Amino acid sequence: MQLYQVRYFLAVASTLNFTRAAEQCNVTQPALTKGVQKLEQELGGQLIYRERQLTQLTDLGKEVLPMLERTLASAAAVRRRAQEFQRKDVAPLKIGLAPSISASLVVDPIAEIAKFVPGLHVELREVATDKLVDLLLEGEISAAMVGDVQDVPDRIDGWSLFEERYVAVLAPTHRLANRPSIGIDDLRETILLERADCDVAVKIRQSYFPEEPPQLGHCSGHDLHLQHMAAAGFGVILAPEHMPRLPALKTIPLEGSPVSREVRLLAVQGRRYSPALDAFVKVARLRDWSFEVTDRAGPNATVSDVTRASA
């Protein structure tokens, strides 16, 4: 199937007149007729019924019309994007985020590099950490922000951005809401809301629940879902300090040696950076992330151990 054949058919479908369709496509009528006939042969059926002055679409023609319209529109969109890319009108940047790494972390860096990278077009993808590494190696994403990750291939460069604690997030009406801090014994008697694919889930269970599993309530792969459930009183979330929270929730530090994690930036070693990726990596590595964590997490978060990584 050739695009010119699709264009000829769509012109006839819109005008229901071969002469006007040929003029619209700037070709002779025999050439247009031949192109439509080739399309009909490939699709295995007649698309247009023509008898003297009467031109109509057949049932097959009506069936494939919207699909062929989308095909031609998609082809035009591909051409435009390719032209924009060649002119550098578009600077794509695909960033992968591990679960529980909030998009709030990249908002300000993106805004900063947008000032001097014309046409910046960012795509954010949330995927499990091990799959993010695969996407990096396959070139499907430009960079990734992850928490605890094991066995990173040698081909992946990694930079530490900051370390953060996990804290308790709960409704003000929760029985533990007025505590200055929450102890491990309290956690063991509390229903927890579970974040699917949490990168520190194993560490949390080893630290707080070495003998008996926690009392788990509802589960979700989205932080906002869990927050709404916590606000409704269904349980407590153990969340990273940087996670923005609903105004209806409180953040309380954990006693003792709370679970913490290191947030890192990953990119493929030796691969040529686009201007957008180069700018993002530089901004991310130089940024004072302690301010970011304090600002996003809210006044109740504990941030004394949050440190900016050295280059």
C-alpha atoms as a PDB file:
ATOM      1  CA  MET A   1       0.000   0.000   0.000  1.00  0.00           C
ATOM      2  CA  GLN A   2       1.430   3.325  -1.095  1.00  0.00           C
ATOM      3  CA  LEU A   3       0.548   6.614   0.535  1.00  0.00           C
ATOM      4  CA  TYR A   4      -0.274   8.224  -2.807  1.00  0.00           C
ATOM      5  CA  GLN A   5      -2.920   5.536  -3.354  1.00  0.00           C
ATOM      6  CA  VAL A   6      -4.432   6.357   0.017  1.00  0.00           C
ATOM      7  CA  ARG A   7      -4.394  10.053  -0.833  1.00  0.00           C
ATOM      8  CA  TYR A   8      -6.138   9.411  -4.175  1.00  0.00           C
ATOM      9  CA  PHE A   9      -8.848   7.319  -2.509  1.00  0.00           C
ATOM     10  CA  LEU A  10      -9.478   9.913   0.200  1.00  0.00           C
ATOM     11  CA  ALA A  11      -9.783  12.645  -2.421  1.00  0.00           C
ATOM     12  CA  VAL A  12     -12.430  10.647  -4.282  1.00  0.00           C
ATOM     13  CA  ALA A  13     -14.206   9.833  -1.015  1.00  0.00           C
ATOM     14  CA  SER A  14     -14.420  13.523  -0.109  1.00  0.00           C
ATOM     15  CA  THR A  15     -15.494  14.797  -3.558  1.00  0.00           C
ATOM     16  CA  LEU A  16     -17.307  11.741  -4.957  1.00  0.00           C
ATOM     17  CA  ASN A  17     -16.003  12.947  -8.294  1.00  0.00           C
ATOM     18  CA  PHE A  18     -12.924  11.533 -10.048  1.00  0.00           C
ATOM     19  CA  THR A  19     -12.310  14.695 -12.069  1.00  0.00           C
ATOM     20  CA  ARG A  20     -12.310  17.018  -9.066  1.00  0.00           C
ATOM     21  CA  ALA A  21     -10.295  14.481  -7.046  1.00  0.00           C
ATOM     22  CA  ALA A  22      -7.627  14.398  -9.749  1.00  0.00           C
ATOM     23  CA  GLU A  23      -7.454  18.191  -9.751  1.00  0.00           C
ATOM     24  CA  GLN A  24      -7.180  18.191  -5.962  1.00  0.00           C
ATOM     25  CA  CYS A  25      -4.275  15.718  -6.105  1.00  0.00           C
ATOM     26  CA  ASN A  26      -2.686  17.547  -9.059  1.00  0.00           C
ATOM     27  CA  VAL A  27      -2.603  14.412 -11.250  1.00  0.00           C
ATOM     28  CA  THR A  28      -4.391  13.260 -14.355  1.00  0.00           C
ATOM     29  CA  GLN A  29      -7.663  11.416 -13.980  1.00  0.00           C
ATOM     30  CA  PRO A  30      -6.283   8.166 -15.484  1.00  0.00           C
ATOM     31  CA  ALA A  31      -3.365   8.248 -13.026  1.00  0.00           C
ATOM     32  CA  LEU A  32      -5.743   8.761 -10.092  1.00  0.00           C
ATOM     33  CA  THR A  33      -8.047   5.977 -11.291  1.00  0.00           C
ATOM     34  CA  LYS A  34      -5.105   3.601 -11.666  1.00  0.00           C
ATOM     35  CA  GLY A  35      -3.883   4.412  -8.150  1.00  0.00           C
ATOM     36  CA  VAL A  36      -7.303   3.716  -6.626  1.00  0.00           C
ATOM     37  CA  GLN A  37      -7.553   0.445  -8.570  1.00  0.00           C
ATOM     38  CA  LYS A  38      -4.158  -0.706  -7.230  1.00  0.00           C
ATOM     39  CA  LEU A  39      -5.347   0.022  -3.700  1.00  0.00           C
ATOM     40  CA  GLU A  40      -8.515  -1.982  -4.336  1.00  0.00           C
ATOM     41  CA  GLN A  41      -6.457  -4.905  -5.643  1.00  0.00           C
ATOM     42  CA  GLU A  42      -4.268  -4.880  -2.540  1.00  0.00           C
ATOM     43  CA  LEU A  43      -7.246  -4.726  -0.181  1.00  0.00           C
ATOM     44  CA  GLY A  44      -9.066  -7.409  -2.134  1.00  0.00           C
ATOM     45  CA  GLY A  45     -12.297  -5.580  -2.844  1.00  0.00           C
ATOM     46  CA  GLN A  46     -13.938  -2.647  -4.563  1.00  0.00           C
ATOM     47  CA  LEU A  47     -13.805   0.608  -2.594  1.00  0.00           C
ATOM     48  CA  ILE A  48     -15.691   2.902  -4.927  1.00  0.00           C
ATOM     49  CA  TYR A  49     -18.836   2.200  -6.931  1.00  0.00           C
ATOM     50  CA  ARG A  50     -18.927   4.220 -10.137  1.00  0.00           C
ATOM     51  CA  GLU A  51     -21.789   4.250 -12.689  1.00  0.00           C
ATOM     52  CA  ARG A  52     -22.061   7.152 -15.114  1.00  0.00           C
ATOM     53  CA  GLN A  53     -22.579  10.279 -12.992  1.00  0.00           C
ATOM     54  CA  LEU A  54     -23.009   8.313  -9.757  1.00  0.00           C
ATOM     55  CA  THR A  55     -19.940   7.776  -7.526  1.00  0.00           C
ATOM     56  CA  GLN A  56     -20.344   6.214  -4.089  1.00  0.00           C
ATOM     57  CA  LEU A  57     -18.282   4.338  -1.541  1.00  0.00           C
ATOM     58  CA  THR A  58     -18.902   0.630  -1.241  1.00  0.00           C
ATOM     59  CA  ASP A  59     -19.429  -0.960   2.161  1.00  0.00           C
ATOM     60  CA  LEU A  60     -15.740  -1.884   2.197  1.00  0.00           C
ATOM     61  CA  GLY A  61     -14.816   1.672   1.260  1.00  0.00           C
ATOM     62  CA  LYS A  62     -16.896   3.050   4.145  1.00  0.00           C
ATOM     63  CA  GLU A  63     -15.299   0.525   6.509  1.00  0.00           C
ATOM     64  CA  VAL A  64     -11.673   1.403   5.709  1.00  0.00           C
ATOM     65  CA  LEU A  65     -12.203   5.153   5.210  1.00  0.00           C
ATOM     66  CA  PRO A  66     -11.536   6.249   8.841  1.00  0.00           C
ATOM     67  CA  MET A  67      -8.506   3.952   9.123  1.00  0.00           C
ATOM     68  CA  LEU A  68      -6.980   5.294   5.908  1.00  0.00           C
ATOM     69  CA  GLU A  69      -7.651   8.852   7.081  1.00  0.00           C
ATOM     70  CA  ARG A  70      -5.681   8.127  10.258  1.00  0.00           C
ATOM     71  CA  THR A  71      -2.911   6.499   8.218  1.00  0.00           C
ATOM     72  CA  LEU A  72      -2.443   9.600   6.073  1.00  0.00           C
ATOM     73  CA  ALA A  73      -2.627  11.907   9.107  1.00  0.00           C
ATOM     74  CA  SER A  74      -0.011   9.833  10.937  1.00  0.00           C
ATOM     75  CA  ALA A  75       2.321   9.924   7.955  1.00  0.00           C
ATOM     76  CA  ALA A  76       1.999  13.707   7.800  1.00  0.00           C
ATOM     77  CA  ALA A  77       2.732  13.954  11.526  1.00  0.00           C
ATOM     78  CA  VAL A  78       5.872  11.826  11.100  1.00  0.00           C
ATOM     79  CA  ARG A  79       7.123  14.116   8.341  1.00  0.00           C
ATOM     80  CA  ARG A  80       6.506  17.223  10.440  1.00  0.00           C
ATOM     81  CA  ARG A  81       8.285  15.774  13.450  1.00  0.00           C
ATOM     82  CA  ALA A  82      11.255  14.698  11.319  1.00  0.00           C
ATOM     83  CA  GLN A  83      11.495  18.181   9.800  1.00  0.00           C
ATOM     84  CA  GLU A  84      11.273  19.786  13.252  1.00  0.00           C
ATOM     85  CA  PHE A  85      13.985  17.470  14.539  1.00  0.00           C
ATOM     86  CA  GLN A  86      16.305  18.243  11.630  1.00  0.00           C
ATOM     87  CA  ARG A  87      15.765  21.960  12.221  1.00  0.00           C
ATOM     88  CA  LYS A  88      16.305  21.339  15.959  1.00  0.00           C
ATOM     89  CA  ASP A  89      12.820  22.675  16.647  1.00  0.00           C
ATOM     90  CA  VAL A  90      12.312  19.658  18.914  1.00  0.00           C
ATOM     91  CA  ALA A  91      14.770  18.516  21.588  1.00  0.00           C
ATOM     92  CA  PRO A  92      13.416  15.230  22.982  1.00  0.00           C
ATOM     93  CA  LEU A  93      14.331  14.112  26.496  1.00  0.00           C
ATOM     94  CA  LYS A  94      12.919  10.846  27.847  1.00  0.00           C
ATOM     95  CA  ILE A  95      13.356  10.381  31.583  1.00  0.00           C
ATOM     96  CA  GLY A  96      12.523   7.168  33.392  1.00  0.00           C
ATOM     97  CA  LEU A  97      11.352   7.295  37.010  1.00  0.00           C
ATOM     98  CA  ALA A  98      11.407   4.344  39.353  1.00  0.00           C
ATOM     99  CA  PRO A  99       8.234   3.778  41.394  1.00  0.00           C
ATOM    100  CA  SER A 100       8.098   6.121  44.419  1.00  0.00           C
ATOM    101  CA  ILE A 101      10.368   8.643  42.646  1.00  0.00           C
ATOM    102  CA  SER A 102       7.996  11.571  42.304  1.00  0.00           C
ATOM    103  CA  ALA A 103       7.869  13.607  39.107  1.00  0.00           C
ATOM    104  CA  SER A 104       8.131  16.645  41.373  1.00  0.00           C
ATOM    105  CA  LEU A 105      11.888  16.020  41.496  1.00  0.00           C
ATOM    106  CA  VAL A 106      12.374  16.773  37.818  1.00  0.00           C
ATOM    107  CA  VAL A 107       9.971  19.693  37.429  1.00  0.00           C
ATOM    108  CA  ASP A 108      12.418  22.430  38.429  1.00  0.00           C
ATOM    109  CA  PRO A 109      15.423  20.984  36.542  1.00  0.00           C
ATOM    110  CA  ILE A 110      13.268  20.731  33.413  1.00  0.00           C
ATOM    111  CA  ALA A 111      12.124  24.323  33.817  1.00  0.00           C
ATOM    112  CA  GLU A 112      15.754  25.400  34.211  1.00  0.00           C
ATOM    113  CA  ILE A 113      17.102  23.680  31.098  1.00  0.00           C
ATOM    114  CA  ALA A 114      14.067  24.754  29.044  1.00  0.00           C
ATOM    115  CA  LYS A 115      15.434  28.298  29.284  1.00  0.00           C
ATOM    116  CA  PHE A 116      18.421  27.451  27.095  1.00  0.00           C
ATOM    117  CA  VAL A 117      17.342  24.288  25.195  1.00  0.00           C
ATOM    118  CA  PRO A 118      14.868  25.464  22.518  1.00  0.00           C
ATOM    119  CA  GLY A 119      12.089  23.053  21.664  1.00  0.00           C
ATOM    120  CA  LEU A 120      12.592  20.894  24.757  1.00  0.00           C
ATOM    121  CA  HIS A 121      10.061  18.054  24.747  1.00  0.00           C
ATOM    122  CA  VAL A 122      10.113  15.884  27.870  1.00  0.00           C
ATOM    123  CA  GLU A 123       8.544  12.453  28.209  1.00  0.00           C
ATOM    124  CA  LEU A 124       8.334  10.889  31.679  1.00  0.00           C
ATOM    125  CA  ARG A 125       7.935   7.144  32.112  1.00  0.00           C
ATOM    126  CA  GLU A 126       7.404   5.317  35.395  1.00  0.00           C
ATOM    127  CA  VAL A 127       8.726   1.760  35.237  1.00  0.00           C
ATOM    128  CA  ALA A 128      10.138  -0.775  37.691  1.00  0.00           C
ATOM    129  CA  THR A 129      13.829  -0.163  38.378  1.00  0.00           C
ATOM    130  CA  ASP A 130      15.155  -3.300  36.666  1.00  0.00           C
ATOM    131  CA  LYS A 131      13.173  -2.477  33.532  1.00  0.00           C
ATOM    132  CA  LEU A 132      14.507   1.093  33.557  1.00  0.00           C
ATOM    133  CA  VAL A 133      18.032  -0.257  33.155  1.00  0.00           C
ATOM    134  CA  ASP A 134      16.901  -2.303  30.147  1.00  0.00           C
ATOM    135  CA  LEU A 135      15.199   0.744  28.619  1.00  0.00           C
ATOM    136  CA  LEU A 136      18.387   2.757  29.073  1.00  0.00           C
ATOM    137  CA  LEU A 137      20.508   0.145  27.305  1.00  0.00           C
ATOM    138  CA  GLU A 138      17.938  -0.157  24.505  1.00  0.00           C
ATOM    139  CA  GLY A 139      17.899   3.620  24.003  1.00  0.00           C
ATOM    140  CA  GLU A 140      14.199   3.903  24.847  1.00  0.00           C
ATOM    141  CA  ILE A 141      14.920   6.479  27.567  1.00  0.00           C
ATOM    142  CA  SER A 142      17.723   9.029  27.916  1.00  0.00           C
ATOM    143  CA  ALA A 143      18.208   8.960  31.688  1.00  0.00           C
ATOM    144  CA  ALA A 144      16.653   7.423  34.785  1.00  0.00           C
ATOM    145  CA  MET A 145      16.183   8.444  38.390  1.00  0.00           C
ATOM    146  CA  VAL A 146      16.141   5.467  40.742  1.00  0.00           C
ATOM    147  CA  GLY A 147      16.298   4.582  44.404  1.00  0.00           C
ATOM    148  CA  ASP A 148      17.988   1.461  45.712  1.00  0.00           C
ATOM    149  CA  VAL A 149      19.140  -0.596  42.746  1.00  0.00           C
ATOM    150  CA  GLN A 150      21.305  -3.697  42.610  1.00  0.00           C
ATOM    151  CA  ASP A 151      23.653  -5.069  39.951  1.00  0.00           C
ATOM    152  CA  VAL A 152      23.851  -2.063  37.631  1.00  0.00           C
ATOM    153  CA  PRO A 153      25.747  -3.061  34.448  1.00  0.00           C
ATOM    154  CA  ASP A 154      29.189  -1.559  33.866  1.00  0.00           C
ATOM    155  CA  ARG A 155      27.801   0.231  30.803  1.00  0.00           C
ATOM    156  CA  ILE A 156      25.630   2.410  33.054  1.00  0.00           C
ATOM    157  CA  ASP A 157      27.005   5.574  34.646  1.00  0.00           C
ATOM    158  CA  GLY A 158      25.464   6.504  37.982  1.00  0.00           C
ATOM    159  CA  TRP A 159      25.622   9.634  40.128  1.00  0.00           C
ATOM    160  CA  SER A 160      24.360   9.971  43.674  1.00  0.00           C
ATOM    161  CA  LEU A 161      22.000  12.943  44.032  1.00  0.00           C
ATOM    162  CA  PHE A 162      20.868  12.759  47.672  1.00  0.00           C
ATOM    163  CA  GLU A 163      19.974  10.447  50.525  1.00  0.00           C
ATOM    164  CA  GLU A 164      16.558  10.562  52.143  1.00  0.00           C
ATOM    165  CA  ARG A 165      14.713   8.894  54.961  1.00  0.00           C
ATOM    166  CA  TYR A 166      11.360   7.188  54.832  1.00  0.00           C
ATOM    167  CA  VAL A 167       8.688   8.788  57.004  1.00  0.00           C
ATOM    168  CA  ALA A 168       5.125   8.007  58.073  1.00  0.00           C
ATOM    169  CA  VAL A 169       2.322   9.760  56.181  1.00  0.00           C
ATOM    170  CA  LEU A 170      -1.104   9.636  57.785  1.00  0.00           C
ATOM    171  CA  ALA A 171      -4.377  11.473  58.379  1.00  0.00           C
ATOM    172  CA  PRO A 172      -4.578  14.031  61.223  1.00  0.00           C
ATOM    173  CA  THR A 173      -7.362  11.918  62.696  1.00  0.00           C
ATOM    174  CA  HIS A 174      -5.177   8.813  62.940  1.00  0.00           C
ATOM    175  CA  ARG A 175      -4.414   7.680  66.505  1.00  0.00           C
ATOM    176  CA  LEU A 176      -0.668   8.266  65.903  1.00  0.00           C
ATOM    177  CA  ALA A 177      -1.074  11.690  64.300  1.00  0.00           C
ATOM    178  CA  ASN A 178      -0.179  13.712  67.419  1.00  0.00           C
ATOM    179  CA  ARG A 179       3.068  11.873  68.120  1.00  0.00           C
ATOM    180  CA  PRO A 180       6.350  13.802  67.587  1.00  0.00           C
ATOM    181  CA  SER A 181       7.728  10.556  66.154  1.00  0.00           C
ATOM    182  CA  ILE A 182       6.517   7.013  65.583  1.00  0.00           C
ATOM    183  CA  GLY A 183       8.252   3.945  67.006  1.00  0.00           C
ATOM    184  CA  ILE A 184       8.734   0.523  65.471  1.00  0.00           C
ATOM    185  CA  ASP A 185       6.298  -1.080  67.934  1.00  0.00           C
ATOM    186  CA  ASP A 186       3.640   1.389  66.801  1.00  0.00           C
ATOM    187  CA  LEU A 187       4.237   0.427  63.173  1.00  0.00           C
ATOM    188  CA  ARG A 188       3.836  -3.238  63.981  1.00  0.00           C
ATOM    189  CA  GLU A 189       0.375  -2.531  65.380  1.00  0.00           C
ATOM    190  CA  THR A 190      -0.652  -0.261  62.514  1.00  0.00           C
ATOM    191  CA  ILE A 191      -2.240  -1.048  59.164  1.00  0.00           C
ATOM    192  CA  LEU A 192       0.125   0.015  56.380  1.00  0.00           C
ATOM    193  CA  LEU A 193      -0.823   1.012  52.858  1.00  0.00           C
ATOM    194  CA  GLU A 194       1.557  -0.656  50.422  1.00  0.00           C
ATOM    195  CA  ARG A 195       3.210   0.958  47.404  1.00  0.00           C
ATOM    196  CA  ALA A 196       3.520  -1.573  44.579  1.00  0.00           C
ATOM    197  CA  ASP A 197       7.078  -2.078  43.270  1.00  0.00           C
ATOM    198  CA  CYS A 198       8.542  -0.033  46.140  1.00  0.00           C
ATOM    199  CA  ASP A 199      12.336  -0.214  45.841  1.00  0.00           C
ATOM    200  CA  VAL A 200      12.859  -0.297  49.617  1.00  0.00           C
ATOM    201  CA  ALA A 201      10.055  -2.731  50.506  1.00  0.00           C
ATOM    202  CA  VAL A 202      12.548  -5.484  51.333  1.00  0.00           C
ATOM    203  CA  LYS A 203      14.638  -3.120  53.458  1.00  0.00           C
ATOM    204  CA  ILE A 204      11.524  -1.947  55.345  1.00  0.00           C
ATOM    205  CA  ARG A 205      10.485  -5.499  56.153  1.00  0.00           C
ATOM    206  CA  GLN A 206      13.976  -6.494  57.252  1.00  0.00           C
ATOM    207  CA  SER A 207      14.329  -3.427  59.482  1.00  0.00           C
ATOM    208  CA  TYR A 208      10.862  -3.141  61.003  1.00  0.00           C
ATOM    209  CA  PHE A 209       9.261  -6.556  60.590  1.00  0.00           C
ATOM    210  CA  PRO A 210      12.022  -9.184  60.790  1.00  0.00           C
ATOM    211  CA  GLU A 211       9.866 -11.787  62.529  1.00  0.00           C
ATOM    212  CA  GLU A 212       6.275 -11.113  61.516  1.00  0.00           C
ATOM    213  CA  PRO A 213       4.998  -9.492  58.315  1.00  0.00           C
ATOM    214  CA  PRO A 214       3.374  -6.056  58.580  1.00  0.00           C
ATOM    215  CA  GLN A 215      -0.377  -5.601  58.707  1.00  0.00           C
ATOM    216  CA  LEU A 216      -1.024  -4.581  55.116  1.00  0.00           C
ATOM    217  CA  GLY A 217      -4.200  -2.859  54.039  1.00  0.00           C
ATOM    218  CA  HIS A 218      -4.789  -1.610  50.530  1.00  0.00           C
ATOM    219  CA  CYS A 219      -2.167  -1.488  47.772  1.00  0.00           C
ATOM    220  CA  SER A 220      -1.644   0.736  44.731  1.00  0.00           C
ATOM    221  CA  GLY A 221       0.965   1.525  42.129  1.00  0.00           C
ATOM    222  CA  HIS A 222       0.234   5.248  42.423  1.00  0.00           C
ATOM    223  CA  ASP A 223       1.236   7.437  45.351  1.00  0.00           C
ATOM    224  CA  LEU A 224      -1.794   9.710  44.996  1.00  0.00           C
ATOM    225  CA  HIS A 225      -4.166   6.747  45.304  1.00  0.00           C
ATOM    226  CA  LEU A 226      -2.494   5.714  48.537  1.00  0.00           C
ATOM    227  CA  GLN A 227      -2.617   9.259  49.871  1.00  0.00           C
ATOM    228  CA  HIS A 228      -6.344   9.520  49.300  1.00  0.00           C
ATOM    229  CA  MET A 229      -6.815   6.215  51.139  1.00  0.00           C
ATOM    230  CA  ALA A 230      -4.603   7.413  53.980  1.00  0.00           C
ATOM    231  CA  ALA A 231      -6.586  10.663  54.184  1.00  0.00           C
ATOM    232  CA  ALA A 232      -9.747   8.571  54.486  1.00  0.00           C
ATOM    233  CA  GLY A 233      -8.227   6.780  57.479  1.00  0.00           C
ATOM    234  CA  PHE A 234      -7.476   3.413  55.873  1.00  0.00           C
ATOM    235  CA  GLY A 235      -3.897   3.280  57.140  1.00  0.00           C
ATOM    236  CA  VAL A 236      -0.377   4.718  57.196  1.00  0.00           C
ATOM    237  CA  ILE A 237       1.998   5.112  54.271  1.00  0.00           C
ATOM    238  CA  LEU A 238       5.759   4.724  54.649  1.00  0.00           C
ATOM    239  CA  ALA A 239       6.994   7.131  52.015  1.00  0.00           C
ATOM    240  CA  PRO A 240      10.192   8.920  50.965  1.00  0.00           C
ATOM    241  CA  GLU A 241      10.681  12.407  52.384  1.00  0.00           C
ATOM    242  CA  HIS A 242      10.566  14.104  49.001  1.00  0.00           C
ATOM    243  CA  MET A 243       7.107  12.813  48.073  1.00  0.00           C
ATOM    244  CA  PRO A 244       4.634  15.709  47.815  1.00  0.00           C
ATOM    245  CA  ARG A 245       1.611  15.057  49.996  1.00  0.00           C
ATOM    246  CA  LEU A 246      -2.015  16.105  50.103  1.00  0.00           C
ATOM    247  CA  PRO A 247      -2.723  19.052  52.439  1.00  0.00           C
ATOM    248  CA  ALA A 248      -5.007  16.760  54.426  1.00  0.00           C
ATOM    249  CA  LEU A 249      -2.095  14.535  55.481  1.00  0.00           C
ATOM    250  CA  LYS A 250       0.653  14.782  58.098  1.00  0.00           C
ATOM    251  CA  THR A 251       4.265  13.614  57.874  1.00  0.00           C
ATOM    252  CA  ILE A 252       5.890  12.223  61.023  1.00  0.00           C
ATOM    253  CA  PRO A 253       9.490  10.972  61.377  1.00  0.00           C
ATOM    254  CA  LEU A 254      10.259   7.444  62.520  1.00  0.00           C
ATOM    255  CA  GLU A 255      12.214   6.715  65.686  1.00  0.00           C
ATOM    256  CA  GLY A 256      15.562   4.984  65.890  1.00  0.00           C
ATOM    257  CA  SER A 257      17.382   4.386  62.618  1.00  0.00           C
ATOM    258  CA  PRO A 258      14.716   4.915  59.976  1.00  0.00           C
ATOM    259  CA  VAL A 259      15.041   3.264  56.593  1.00  0.00           C
ATOM    260  CA  SER A 260      16.748   5.491  54.071  1.00  0.00           C
ATOM    261  CA  ARG A 261      17.707   5.256  50.433  1.00  0.00           C
ATOM    262  CA  GLU A 262      20.021   6.920  47.975  1.00  0.00           C
ATOM    263  CA  VAL A 263      18.433   8.537  44.938  1.00  0.00           C
ATOM    264  CA  ARG A 264      20.645   8.240  41.871  1.00  0.00           C
ATOM    265  CA  LEU A 265      20.730   9.432  38.293  1.00  0.00           C
ATOM    266  CA  LEU A 266      21.601   6.855  35.612  1.00  0.00           C
ATOM    267  CA  ALA A 267      22.676   7.229  31.980  1.00  0.00           C
ATOM    268  CA  VAL A 268      24.438   4.999  29.467  1.00  0.00           C
ATOM    269  CA  GLN A 269      28.215   5.241  29.552  1.00  0.00           C
ATOM    270  CA  GLY A 270      29.985   6.364  26.380  1.00  0.00           C
ATOM    271  CA  ARG A 271      26.808   7.203  24.492  1.00  0.00           C
ATOM    272  CA  ARG A 272      26.753  10.616  22.867  1.00  0.00           C
ATOM    273  CA  TYR A 273      24.505  12.944  24.827  1.00  0.00           C
ATOM    274  CA  SER A 274      21.954  15.131  23.101  1.00  0.00           C
ATOM    275  CA  PRO A 275      22.030  18.798  24.170  1.00  0.00           C
ATOM    276  CA  ALA A 276      18.892  18.199  26.251  1.00  0.00           C
ATOM    277  CA  LEU A 277      20.334  15.161  28.047  1.00  0.00           C
ATOM    278  CA  ASP A 278      23.692  16.855  28.591  1.00  0.00           C
ATOM    279  CA  ALA A 279      21.948  19.844  30.174  1.00  0.00           C
ATOM    280  CA  PHE A 280      19.730  17.639  32.354  1.00  0.00           C
ATOM    281  CA  VAL A 281      22.652  15.597  33.684  1.00  0.00           C
ATOM    282  CA  LYS A 282      24.654  18.722  34.511  1.00  0.00           C
ATOM    283  CA  VAL A 283      21.745  20.477  36.217  1.00  0.00           C
ATOM    284  CA  ALA A 284      20.811  17.352  38.196  1.00  0.00           C
ATOM    285  CA  ARG A 285      24.377  16.774  39.435  1.00  0.00           C
ATOM    286  CA  LEU A 286      24.931  20.399  40.469  1.00  0.00           C
ATOM    287  CA  ARG A 287      21.533  20.927  42.087  1.00  0.00           C
ATOM    288  CA  ASP A 288      21.111  21.430  45.841  1.00  0.00           C
ATOM    289  CA  TRP A 289      18.654  18.597  46.365  1.00  0.00           C
ATOM    290  CA  SER A 290      18.333  19.198  50.118  1.00  0.00           C
ATOM    291  CA  PHE A 291      16.215  22.263  49.354  1.00  0.00           C
ATOM    292  CA  GLU A 292      14.160  20.235  46.887  1.00  0.00           C
ATOM    293  CA  VAL A 293      13.362  17.553  49.447  1.00  0.00           C
ATOM    294  CA  THR A 294      12.483  20.077  52.158  1.00  0.00           C
ATOM    295  CA  ASP A 295      10.288  22.122  49.843  1.00  0.00           C
ATOM    296  CA  ARG A 296       8.374  19.183  48.368  1.00  0.00           C
ATOM    297  CA  ALA A 297       7.919  17.108  51.499  1.00  0.00           C
ATOM    298  CA  GLY A 298       6.473  19.850  53.658  1.00  0.00           C
ATOM    299  CA  PRO A 299       7.344  21.234  57.083  1.00  0.00           C
ATOM    300  CA  ASN A 300       6.807  17.996  58.998  1.00  0.00           C
ATOM    301  CA  ALA A 301       9.508  16.044  57.181  1.00  0.00           C
ATOM    302  CA  THR A 302      12.904  15.302  58.708  1.00  0.00           C
ATOM    303  CA  VAL A 303      15.670  16.325  56.329  1.00  0.00           C
ATOM    304  CA  SER A 304      18.761  16.544  58.487  1.00  0.00           C
ATOM    305  CA  ASP A 305      20.429  13.662  56.688  1.00  0.00           C
ATOM    306  CA  VAL A 306      19.611  14.821  53.160  1.00  0.00           C
ATOM    307  CA  THR A 307      22.873  15.700  51.465  1.00  0.00           C
ATOM    308  CA  ARG A 308      23.781  16.878  48.010  1.00  0.00           C
ATOM    309  CA  ALA A 309      26.029  14.468  46.129  1.00  0.00           C
ATOM    310  CA  SER A 310      29.448  15.579  45.066  1.00  0.00           C
ATOM    311  CA  ALA A 311      30.190  15.561  41.354  1.00  0.00           C
END
